[in-house]
């Protein structure tokens, strides 16, 4: 991959997550019935940051979970011959709740569809919403994000790299050209 440009530095990413946190509060009118579920890997720390922002704004803790959709992917054979199966960390009854799935990048929509399938197996939420840092287009399924940090139209020969302090040592979002 060849570096093309930085889309967000740490300060911009922080502001984006604060804005998205305010939007989540506004749309749901209350955080009492709200559940944030981070899609592993980068969606989990992003969901934790949004939960912390909501606590700072509203003074209330939000229910949280983490979801590894590896078991639910329809493209497992493209990922690996024998995929590693990890457990989901969702000890929450999602029935009747407003669930916000949190991920770093929205691309084809297949990961989100798989995550929605996984959530529906846990119960019937009132709503399932989606929060992503970057929406890069190229949808293969009719899925859209409710909360978007930045829309970045890309070509299929480009990719978005989201780095987070919790996993990578620093915060930034870059775009790369595939070689």
N, C-alpha and C. Protein backbone atom coordinates (compact mmCIF):
# COMPACT_ATOMS: atom_id res chain seq x y z
N UNK A 1 0.84 -1.19 0.00
CA UNK A 1 0.00 0.00 0.00
C UNK A 1 0.88 1.24 0.00
N UNK A 2 0.43 2.22 -0.75
CA UNK A 2 1.15 3.48 -0.84
C UNK A 2 0.33 4.58 -0.16
N UNK A 3 0.95 5.25 0.79
CA UNK A 3 0.28 6.34 1.50
C UNK A 3 -0.11 7.44 0.52
N UNK A 4 -1.37 7.92 0.63
CA UNK A 4 -1.84 9.03 -0.21
C UNK A 4 -2.03 10.31 0.59
N UNK A 5 -2.76 10.21 1.71
CA UNK A 5 -3.06 11.43 2.47
C UNK A 5 -3.59 11.07 3.85
N UNK A 6 -3.39 11.98 4.79
CA UNK A 6 -4.00 11.84 6.11
C UNK A 6 -5.37 12.53 6.04
N UNK A 7 -6.40 11.80 6.46
CA UNK A 7 -7.76 12.34 6.46
C UNK A 7 -8.11 12.97 7.81
N UNK A 8 -7.60 12.39 8.89
CA UNK A 8 -7.87 12.90 10.23
C UNK A 8 -6.65 12.66 11.10
N UNK A 9 -6.31 13.66 11.92
CA UNK A 9 -5.32 13.43 12.96
C UNK A 9 -6.08 13.14 14.26
N UNK A 10 -5.37 12.99 15.35
CA UNK A 10 -6.01 12.65 16.62
C UNK A 10 -7.03 13.67 17.08
N UNK A 11 -6.72 14.97 16.91
CA UNK A 11 -7.65 16.01 17.35
C UNK A 11 -8.94 16.00 16.53
N UNK A 12 -8.82 15.82 15.22
CA UNK A 12 -10.00 15.78 14.37
C UNK A 12 -10.84 14.55 14.72
N UNK A 13 -10.20 13.40 14.91
CA UNK A 13 -10.93 12.18 15.27
C UNK A 13 -11.68 12.37 16.59
N UNK A 14 -11.05 13.00 17.56
CA UNK A 14 -11.70 13.25 18.85
C UNK A 14 -12.94 14.12 18.65
N UNK A 15 -12.82 15.19 17.86
CA UNK A 15 -13.98 16.07 17.61
C UNK A 15 -15.08 15.34 16.86
N UNK A 16 -14.71 14.51 15.91
CA UNK A 16 -15.70 13.72 15.16
C UNK A 16 -16.48 12.83 16.12
N UNK A 17 -15.80 12.16 17.03
CA UNK A 17 -16.48 11.25 17.96
C UNK A 17 -17.36 12.01 18.95
N UNK A 18 -16.94 13.21 19.36
CA UNK A 18 -17.78 14.03 20.24
C UNK A 18 -19.05 14.45 19.48
N UNK A 19 -18.90 14.88 18.22
CA UNK A 19 -20.07 15.26 17.41
C UNK A 19 -21.02 14.08 17.24
N UNK A 20 -20.47 12.91 16.92
CA UNK A 20 -21.31 11.73 16.75
C UNK A 20 -22.01 11.36 18.05
N UNK A 21 -21.35 11.54 19.18
CA UNK A 21 -21.95 11.26 20.48
C UNK A 21 -23.16 12.16 20.72
N UNK A 22 -23.02 13.45 20.40
CA UNK A 22 -24.15 14.39 20.53
C UNK A 22 -25.29 13.98 19.60
N UNK A 23 -24.98 13.57 18.38
CA UNK A 23 -26.01 13.16 17.43
C UNK A 23 -26.76 11.92 17.93
N UNK A 24 -26.04 10.99 18.52
CA UNK A 24 -26.68 9.77 19.05
C UNK A 24 -27.65 10.14 20.17
N UNK A 25 -27.21 11.03 21.05
CA UNK A 25 -28.08 11.47 22.15
C UNK A 25 -29.33 12.16 21.60
N UNK A 26 -29.13 13.06 20.65
CA UNK A 26 -30.26 13.80 20.07
C UNK A 26 -31.26 12.88 19.40
N UNK A 27 -30.78 11.98 18.57
CA UNK A 27 -31.69 11.11 17.82
C UNK A 27 -32.48 10.18 18.74
N UNK A 28 -31.85 9.71 19.81
CA UNK A 28 -32.50 8.75 20.69
C UNK A 28 -33.23 9.40 21.85
N UNK A 29 -33.11 10.71 22.00
CA UNK A 29 -33.82 11.51 23.00
C UNK A 29 -33.50 11.14 24.44
N UNK A 30 -32.84 10.03 24.65
CA UNK A 30 -32.45 9.58 25.98
C UNK A 30 -31.41 8.48 25.80
N UNK A 31 -30.58 8.29 26.79
CA UNK A 31 -29.60 7.21 26.70
C UNK A 31 -30.02 6.02 27.58
N UNK A 32 -31.19 6.12 28.19
CA UNK A 32 -31.64 5.07 29.11
C UNK A 32 -31.90 3.74 28.41
N UNK A 33 -32.28 3.77 27.16
CA UNK A 33 -32.62 2.55 26.43
C UNK A 33 -31.59 2.26 25.33
N UNK A 34 -30.40 2.83 25.48
CA UNK A 34 -29.37 2.78 24.45
C UNK A 34 -28.33 1.70 24.75
N UNK A 35 -27.93 0.99 23.70
CA UNK A 35 -26.87 -0.01 23.80
C UNK A 35 -25.88 0.26 22.67
N UNK A 36 -24.60 0.42 23.01
CA UNK A 36 -23.55 0.56 22.01
C UNK A 36 -22.86 -0.79 21.85
N UNK A 37 -22.72 -1.24 20.60
CA UNK A 37 -22.03 -2.50 20.33
C UNK A 37 -20.92 -2.23 19.33
N UNK A 38 -19.69 -2.39 19.78
CA UNK A 38 -18.54 -2.20 18.91
C UNK A 38 -18.29 -3.46 18.10
N UNK A 39 -18.08 -3.29 16.79
CA UNK A 39 -17.72 -4.41 15.93
C UNK A 39 -16.20 -4.55 15.99
N UNK A 40 -15.76 -5.72 16.46
CA UNK A 40 -14.32 -5.93 16.61
C UNK A 40 -13.65 -5.81 15.27
N UNK A 41 -12.54 -5.19 15.16
CA UNK A 41 -11.63 -4.86 16.21
C UNK A 41 -11.71 -3.38 16.59
N UNK A 42 -11.67 -2.49 15.62
CA UNK A 42 -11.59 -1.07 15.93
C UNK A 42 -12.91 -0.46 16.40
N UNK A 43 -14.01 -1.10 16.13
CA UNK A 43 -15.29 -0.59 16.60
C UNK A 43 -15.44 -0.63 18.10
N UNK A 44 -14.72 -1.52 18.76
CA UNK A 44 -14.83 -1.64 20.22
C UNK A 44 -14.26 -0.41 20.92
N UNK A 45 -13.00 -0.01 20.67
CA UNK A 45 -12.52 1.21 21.34
C UNK A 45 -13.27 2.46 20.90
N UNK A 46 -13.76 2.48 19.66
CA UNK A 46 -14.57 3.63 19.23
C UNK A 46 -15.86 3.70 20.03
N UNK A 47 -16.52 2.56 20.24
CA UNK A 47 -17.74 2.52 21.04
C UNK A 47 -17.44 2.94 22.48
N UNK A 48 -16.31 2.52 23.01
CA UNK A 48 -15.93 2.91 24.38
C UNK A 48 -15.73 4.42 24.47
N UNK A 49 -15.14 5.01 23.45
CA UNK A 49 -14.94 6.47 23.46
C UNK A 49 -16.27 7.20 23.36
N UNK A 50 -17.17 6.71 22.53
CA UNK A 50 -18.50 7.33 22.42
C UNK A 50 -19.24 7.20 23.74
N UNK A 51 -19.14 6.04 24.39
CA UNK A 51 -19.79 5.85 25.70
C UNK A 51 -19.22 6.83 26.72
N UNK A 52 -17.91 7.04 26.70
CA UNK A 52 -17.28 7.99 27.63
C UNK A 52 -17.76 9.41 27.33
N UNK A 53 -17.88 9.75 26.05
CA UNK A 53 -18.39 11.08 25.68
C UNK A 53 -19.82 11.26 26.16
N UNK A 54 -20.65 10.25 25.97
CA UNK A 54 -22.05 10.32 26.41
C UNK A 54 -22.11 10.49 27.93
N UNK A 55 -21.25 9.79 28.65
CA UNK A 55 -21.21 9.95 30.11
C UNK A 55 -20.83 11.38 30.48
N UNK A 56 -19.84 11.94 29.78
CA UNK A 56 -19.43 13.32 30.05
C UNK A 56 -20.55 14.31 29.77
N UNK A 57 -21.35 14.05 28.74
CA UNK A 57 -22.42 14.95 28.34
C UNK A 57 -23.67 14.77 29.21
N UNK A 58 -24.09 13.52 29.42
CA UNK A 58 -25.36 13.22 30.08
C UNK A 58 -25.22 12.79 31.54
N UNK A 59 -24.01 12.38 31.93
CA UNK A 59 -23.81 11.89 33.29
C UNK A 59 -24.39 10.50 33.52
N UNK A 60 -24.62 9.76 32.43
CA UNK A 60 -25.19 8.41 32.54
C UNK A 60 -24.32 7.43 31.77
N UNK A 61 -24.18 6.25 32.34
CA UNK A 61 -23.45 5.19 31.65
C UNK A 61 -24.35 4.52 30.62
N UNK A 62 -23.76 4.16 29.51
CA UNK A 62 -24.48 3.49 28.43
C UNK A 62 -24.09 2.02 28.45
N UNK A 63 -25.06 1.15 28.21
CA UNK A 63 -24.77 -0.28 28.12
C UNK A 63 -23.90 -0.52 26.89
N UNK A 64 -22.94 -1.45 27.05
CA UNK A 64 -21.98 -1.69 25.97
C UNK A 64 -21.78 -3.18 25.73
N UNK A 65 -21.38 -3.47 24.52
CA UNK A 65 -21.01 -4.83 24.16
C UNK A 65 -20.02 -4.81 23.02
N UNK A 66 -19.43 -5.97 22.77
CA UNK A 66 -18.49 -6.13 21.66
C UNK A 66 -18.93 -7.33 20.86
N UNK A 67 -18.82 -7.22 19.55
CA UNK A 67 -19.30 -8.28 18.68
C UNK A 67 -18.23 -8.65 17.67
N UNK A 68 -17.89 -9.95 17.66
CA UNK A 68 -17.00 -10.48 16.64
C UNK A 68 -17.87 -11.24 15.67
N UNK A 69 -18.02 -10.71 14.48
CA UNK A 69 -18.96 -11.29 13.52
C UNK A 69 -18.33 -12.37 12.65
N UNK A 70 -17.14 -12.83 13.00
CA UNK A 70 -16.46 -13.84 12.19
C UNK A 70 -17.37 -15.03 11.90
N UNK A 71 -18.11 -15.49 12.90
CA UNK A 71 -19.00 -16.63 12.71
C UNK A 71 -20.13 -16.34 11.73
N UNK A 72 -20.48 -15.08 11.55
CA UNK A 72 -21.65 -14.71 10.76
C UNK A 72 -21.29 -14.21 9.37
N UNK A 73 -20.00 -14.11 9.06
CA UNK A 73 -19.59 -13.57 7.76
C UNK A 73 -19.97 -14.52 6.64
N UNK A 74 -20.38 -13.97 5.52
CA UNK A 74 -20.71 -14.81 4.37
C UNK A 74 -19.51 -15.01 3.47
N UNK A 75 -18.37 -14.44 3.84
CA UNK A 75 -17.18 -14.56 3.01
C UNK A 75 -16.02 -15.22 3.76
N UNK A 76 -16.34 -16.14 4.68
CA UNK A 76 -15.29 -16.76 5.50
C UNK A 76 -14.23 -17.43 4.66
N UNK A 77 -14.60 -18.03 3.56
CA UNK A 77 -13.60 -18.70 2.74
C UNK A 77 -12.63 -17.71 2.12
N UNK A 78 -13.05 -16.46 1.98
CA UNK A 78 -12.14 -15.44 1.46
C UNK A 78 -11.19 -14.93 2.54
N UNK A 79 -11.58 -15.06 3.81
CA UNK A 79 -10.76 -14.56 4.90
C UNK A 79 -9.65 -15.55 5.24
N UNK A 80 -9.98 -16.81 5.42
CA UNK A 80 -9.00 -17.84 5.78
C UNK A 80 -9.63 -19.20 5.58
N UNK A 81 -8.78 -20.20 5.42
CA UNK A 81 -9.28 -21.56 5.27
C UNK A 81 -9.96 -22.04 6.55
N UNK A 82 -9.34 -21.74 7.69
CA UNK A 82 -9.92 -22.09 8.99
C UNK A 82 -9.93 -20.85 9.86
N UNK A 83 -11.02 -20.10 9.85
CA UNK A 83 -11.06 -18.85 10.59
C UNK A 83 -10.99 -19.08 12.10
N UNK A 84 -10.41 -18.09 12.77
CA UNK A 84 -10.35 -18.11 14.23
C UNK A 84 -11.69 -17.63 14.75
N UNK A 85 -12.31 -18.40 15.60
CA UNK A 85 -13.62 -18.05 16.13
C UNK A 85 -13.43 -17.46 17.52
N UNK A 86 -13.88 -16.22 17.70
CA UNK A 86 -13.80 -15.53 18.99
C UNK A 86 -15.20 -15.35 19.53
N UNK A 87 -15.31 -15.22 20.83
CA UNK A 87 -16.64 -15.07 21.43
C UNK A 87 -17.08 -13.62 21.44
N UNK A 88 -18.38 -13.42 21.42
CA UNK A 88 -18.96 -12.08 21.53
C UNK A 88 -19.10 -11.74 23.01
N UNK A 89 -18.89 -10.49 23.32
CA UNK A 89 -19.02 -10.03 24.70
C UNK A 89 -20.24 -9.12 24.79
N UNK A 90 -21.41 -9.76 24.74
CA UNK A 90 -22.67 -9.01 24.83
C UNK A 90 -23.53 -9.68 25.89
N UNK A 91 -23.46 -9.17 27.10
CA UNK A 91 -24.25 -9.71 28.20
C UNK A 91 -25.42 -8.78 28.47
N UNK A 92 -26.07 -8.38 27.40
CA UNK A 92 -27.16 -7.41 27.47
C UNK A 92 -28.36 -7.97 26.73
N UNK A 93 -29.52 -7.78 27.31
CA UNK A 93 -30.75 -8.12 26.61
C UNK A 93 -31.05 -6.97 25.66
N UNK A 94 -30.93 -7.20 24.36
CA UNK A 94 -31.12 -6.14 23.38
C UNK A 94 -32.59 -5.93 23.01
N UNK A 95 -33.46 -6.80 23.48
CA UNK A 95 -34.89 -6.71 23.14
C UNK A 95 -35.44 -5.35 23.57
N UNK A 96 -36.03 -4.65 22.61
CA UNK A 96 -36.65 -3.35 22.89
C UNK A 96 -35.67 -2.20 23.05
N UNK A 97 -34.39 -2.45 22.88
CA UNK A 97 -33.37 -1.41 23.05
C UNK A 97 -33.06 -0.74 21.72
N UNK A 98 -32.50 0.45 21.80
CA UNK A 98 -31.95 1.14 20.63
C UNK A 98 -30.48 0.77 20.55
N UNK A 99 -30.15 -0.09 19.62
CA UNK A 99 -28.78 -0.59 19.48
C UNK A 99 -28.05 0.25 18.44
N UNK A 100 -26.86 0.73 18.81
CA UNK A 100 -26.00 1.44 17.87
C UNK A 100 -24.78 0.58 17.64
N UNK A 101 -24.65 0.06 16.41
CA UNK A 101 -23.44 -0.66 16.01
C UNK A 101 -22.39 0.38 15.68
N UNK A 102 -21.16 0.15 16.15
CA UNK A 102 -20.08 1.11 15.93
C UNK A 102 -18.95 0.40 15.20
N UNK A 103 -18.50 1.00 14.09
CA UNK A 103 -17.38 0.44 13.32
C UNK A 103 -16.53 1.58 12.80
N UNK A 104 -15.36 1.22 12.29
CA UNK A 104 -14.46 2.26 11.81
C UNK A 104 -14.78 2.71 10.39
N UNK A 105 -14.95 1.76 9.46
CA UNK A 105 -15.16 2.11 8.05
C UNK A 105 -16.36 1.34 7.50
N UNK A 106 -17.21 2.05 6.78
CA UNK A 106 -18.31 1.41 6.06
C UNK A 106 -17.93 1.37 4.59
N UNK A 107 -17.95 0.16 4.03
CA UNK A 107 -17.54 -0.03 2.64
C UNK A 107 -18.67 -0.74 1.89
N UNK A 108 -18.62 -2.04 1.76
CA UNK A 108 -19.64 -2.75 0.98
C UNK A 108 -20.95 -2.93 1.74
N UNK A 109 -20.88 -2.93 3.06
CA UNK A 109 -22.06 -3.15 3.89
C UNK A 109 -22.18 -4.58 4.39
N UNK A 110 -21.32 -5.47 3.92
CA UNK A 110 -21.41 -6.88 4.30
C UNK A 110 -21.11 -7.11 5.79
N UNK A 111 -20.13 -6.41 6.32
CA UNK A 111 -19.82 -6.56 7.74
C UNK A 111 -21.00 -6.11 8.59
N UNK A 112 -21.61 -5.00 8.22
CA UNK A 112 -22.76 -4.47 8.97
C UNK A 112 -23.93 -5.43 8.89
N UNK A 113 -24.19 -5.97 7.70
CA UNK A 113 -25.28 -6.93 7.57
C UNK A 113 -25.04 -8.13 8.46
N UNK A 114 -23.81 -8.61 8.49
CA UNK A 114 -23.47 -9.74 9.35
C UNK A 114 -23.66 -9.38 10.83
N UNK A 115 -23.28 -8.17 11.20
CA UNK A 115 -23.44 -7.73 12.58
C UNK A 115 -24.92 -7.61 12.94
N UNK A 116 -25.74 -7.13 12.02
CA UNK A 116 -27.18 -7.03 12.26
C UNK A 116 -27.77 -8.43 12.46
N UNK A 117 -27.34 -9.39 11.65
CA UNK A 117 -27.80 -10.78 11.82
C UNK A 117 -27.44 -11.29 13.22
N UNK A 118 -26.23 -11.00 13.66
CA UNK A 118 -25.78 -11.46 14.97
C UNK A 118 -26.60 -10.82 16.09
N UNK A 119 -26.88 -9.52 15.97
CA UNK A 119 -27.69 -8.83 16.99
C UNK A 119 -29.10 -9.41 17.02
N UNK A 120 -29.68 -9.66 15.87
CA UNK A 120 -31.04 -10.19 15.82
C UNK A 120 -31.12 -11.58 16.47
N UNK A 121 -30.04 -12.33 16.47
CA UNK A 121 -30.04 -13.63 17.14
C UNK A 121 -30.07 -13.48 18.66
N UNK A 122 -29.72 -12.29 19.15
CA UNK A 122 -29.72 -12.03 20.59
C UNK A 122 -31.08 -11.54 21.09
N UNK A 123 -31.91 -11.09 20.20
CA UNK A 123 -33.22 -10.55 20.58
C UNK A 123 -33.68 -9.56 19.53
N UNK A 124 -34.85 -8.99 19.77
CA UNK A 124 -35.41 -8.04 18.80
C UNK A 124 -35.31 -6.62 19.34
N UNK A 125 -34.29 -5.87 18.89
CA UNK A 125 -34.16 -4.49 19.36
C UNK A 125 -35.24 -3.59 18.78
N UNK A 126 -35.50 -2.46 19.44
CA UNK A 126 -36.44 -1.47 18.91
C UNK A 126 -35.89 -0.90 17.61
N UNK A 127 -34.59 -0.56 17.61
CA UNK A 127 -33.93 -0.06 16.41
C UNK A 127 -32.50 -0.58 16.39
N UNK A 128 -31.94 -0.67 15.18
CA UNK A 128 -30.51 -0.89 15.01
C UNK A 128 -30.01 0.28 14.18
N UNK A 129 -29.08 1.02 14.75
CA UNK A 129 -28.49 2.17 14.09
C UNK A 129 -27.01 1.88 13.85
N UNK A 130 -26.39 2.68 12.99
CA UNK A 130 -24.99 2.46 12.65
C UNK A 130 -24.20 3.76 12.76
N UNK A 131 -23.06 3.68 13.44
CA UNK A 131 -22.13 4.80 13.56
C UNK A 131 -20.78 4.37 13.01
N UNK A 132 -20.25 5.13 12.06
CA UNK A 132 -18.94 4.82 11.48
C UNK A 132 -18.10 6.10 11.40
N UNK A 133 -16.80 5.93 11.52
CA UNK A 133 -15.89 7.07 11.41
C UNK A 133 -15.81 7.52 9.95
N UNK A 134 -15.71 6.55 9.02
CA UNK A 134 -15.57 6.88 7.61
C UNK A 134 -16.55 6.03 6.78
N UNK A 135 -17.29 6.70 5.91
CA UNK A 135 -18.12 6.02 4.91
C UNK A 135 -17.42 6.25 3.58
N UNK A 136 -16.91 5.17 2.98
CA UNK A 136 -16.14 5.31 1.74
C UNK A 136 -16.91 4.95 0.49
N UNK A 137 -18.20 4.61 0.62
CA UNK A 137 -19.00 4.30 -0.55
C UNK A 137 -18.83 2.87 -1.03
N UNK A 138 -19.24 2.59 -2.24
CA UNK A 138 -19.13 1.28 -2.90
C UNK A 138 -20.02 0.22 -2.26
N UNK A 139 -21.21 0.59 -1.81
CA UNK A 139 -22.11 -0.34 -1.16
C UNK A 139 -22.55 -1.43 -2.10
N UNK A 140 -22.58 -2.65 -1.59
CA UNK A 140 -23.13 -3.80 -2.31
C UNK A 140 -24.49 -4.18 -1.75
N UNK A 141 -24.84 -3.62 -0.60
CA UNK A 141 -26.11 -3.89 0.05
C UNK A 141 -26.76 -2.55 0.41
N UNK A 142 -28.08 -2.51 0.52
CA UNK A 142 -28.76 -1.24 0.82
C UNK A 142 -28.65 -0.88 2.30
N UNK A 143 -27.44 -0.51 2.71
CA UNK A 143 -27.16 -0.17 4.11
C UNK A 143 -26.57 1.23 4.13
N UNK A 144 -27.02 2.04 5.10
CA UNK A 144 -26.45 3.38 5.26
C UNK A 144 -26.19 3.61 6.74
N UNK A 145 -25.24 4.48 7.01
CA UNK A 145 -24.93 4.81 8.40
C UNK A 145 -25.82 5.95 8.87
N UNK A 146 -26.22 5.88 10.14
CA UNK A 146 -27.00 6.95 10.75
C UNK A 146 -26.10 8.08 11.22
N UNK A 147 -24.87 7.74 11.61
CA UNK A 147 -23.91 8.70 12.13
C UNK A 147 -22.59 8.46 11.41
N UNK A 148 -22.11 9.49 10.70
CA UNK A 148 -20.89 9.37 9.91
C UNK A 148 -19.92 10.47 10.30
N UNK A 149 -18.70 10.08 10.62
CA UNK A 149 -17.67 11.07 10.92
C UNK A 149 -17.28 11.85 9.68
N UNK A 150 -17.01 11.12 8.59
CA UNK A 150 -16.58 11.76 7.34
C UNK A 150 -16.93 10.86 6.17
N UNK A 151 -17.53 11.43 5.14
CA UNK A 151 -17.76 10.73 3.88
C UNK A 151 -16.53 10.94 3.01
N UNK A 152 -15.93 9.84 2.56
CA UNK A 152 -14.73 9.92 1.73
C UNK A 152 -14.93 9.05 0.50
N UNK A 153 -15.37 9.66 -0.61
CA UNK A 153 -15.50 8.86 -1.83
C UNK A 153 -14.14 8.30 -2.23
N UNK A 154 -14.08 7.01 -2.45
CA UNK A 154 -12.82 6.36 -2.80
C UNK A 154 -12.99 5.57 -4.09
N UNK A 155 -11.87 5.20 -4.66
CA UNK A 155 -11.89 4.25 -5.76
C UNK A 155 -11.69 2.87 -5.14
N UNK A 156 -11.97 1.84 -5.90
CA UNK A 156 -11.78 0.48 -5.38
C UNK A 156 -10.30 0.16 -5.21
N UNK A 157 -9.43 0.96 -5.79
CA UNK A 157 -7.99 0.72 -5.65
C UNK A 157 -7.42 1.47 -4.44
N UNK A 158 -8.30 2.06 -3.64
CA UNK A 158 -7.87 2.76 -2.43
C UNK A 158 -8.42 2.04 -1.21
N UNK A 159 -7.78 2.27 -0.08
CA UNK A 159 -8.26 1.73 1.18
C UNK A 159 -8.09 2.78 2.26
N UNK A 160 -8.87 2.65 3.31
CA UNK A 160 -8.82 3.58 4.44
C UNK A 160 -8.18 2.85 5.61
N UNK A 161 -7.22 3.50 6.25
CA UNK A 161 -6.58 2.94 7.43
C UNK A 161 -6.91 3.77 8.65
N UNK A 162 -7.60 3.16 9.62
CA UNK A 162 -7.92 3.84 10.87
C UNK A 162 -6.99 3.29 11.93
N UNK A 163 -6.27 4.18 12.57
CA UNK A 163 -5.36 3.80 13.66
C UNK A 163 -5.90 4.41 14.95
N UNK A 164 -5.88 3.59 16.00
CA UNK A 164 -6.38 4.04 17.30
C UNK A 164 -5.31 3.79 18.36
N UNK A 165 -5.20 4.73 19.28
CA UNK A 165 -4.19 4.64 20.33
C UNK A 165 -4.27 3.31 21.07
N UNK A 166 -5.48 2.86 21.37
CA UNK A 166 -5.66 1.63 22.15
C UNK A 166 -5.05 0.41 21.45
N UNK A 167 -5.02 0.41 20.13
CA UNK A 167 -4.54 -0.75 19.37
C UNK A 167 -3.23 -0.49 18.62
N UNK A 168 -3.03 0.75 18.20
CA UNK A 168 -1.92 1.06 17.30
C UNK A 168 -0.92 2.06 17.85
N UNK A 169 -1.21 2.65 19.01
CA UNK A 169 -0.28 3.60 19.60
C UNK A 169 -0.52 5.05 19.27
N UNK A 170 -1.37 5.33 18.26
CA UNK A 170 -1.73 6.71 17.93
C UNK A 170 -3.06 6.73 17.20
N UNK A 171 -3.63 7.94 17.12
CA UNK A 171 -4.92 8.13 16.45
C UNK A 171 -4.70 8.85 15.12
N UNK A 172 -5.20 8.25 14.05
CA UNK A 172 -5.23 8.93 12.76
C UNK A 172 -5.99 8.09 11.76
N UNK A 173 -6.44 8.74 10.70
CA UNK A 173 -7.13 8.08 9.60
C UNK A 173 -6.42 8.49 8.32
N UNK A 174 -5.95 7.50 7.58
CA UNK A 174 -5.22 7.73 6.34
C UNK A 174 -5.91 7.04 5.17
N UNK A 175 -5.59 7.51 3.97
CA UNK A 175 -6.02 6.83 2.76
C UNK A 175 -4.78 6.33 2.03
N UNK A 176 -4.89 5.11 1.50
CA UNK A 176 -3.78 4.47 0.81
C UNK A 176 -4.21 4.01 -0.57
N UNK A 177 -3.27 3.96 -1.47
CA UNK A 177 -3.47 3.39 -2.80
C UNK A 177 -2.94 1.96 -2.76
N UNK A 178 -3.78 1.01 -3.18
CA UNK A 178 -3.34 -0.38 -3.23
C UNK A 178 -2.41 -0.54 -4.43
N UNK A 179 -1.36 -1.28 -4.22
CA UNK A 179 -0.37 -1.45 -5.31
C UNK A 179 -0.51 -2.82 -5.94
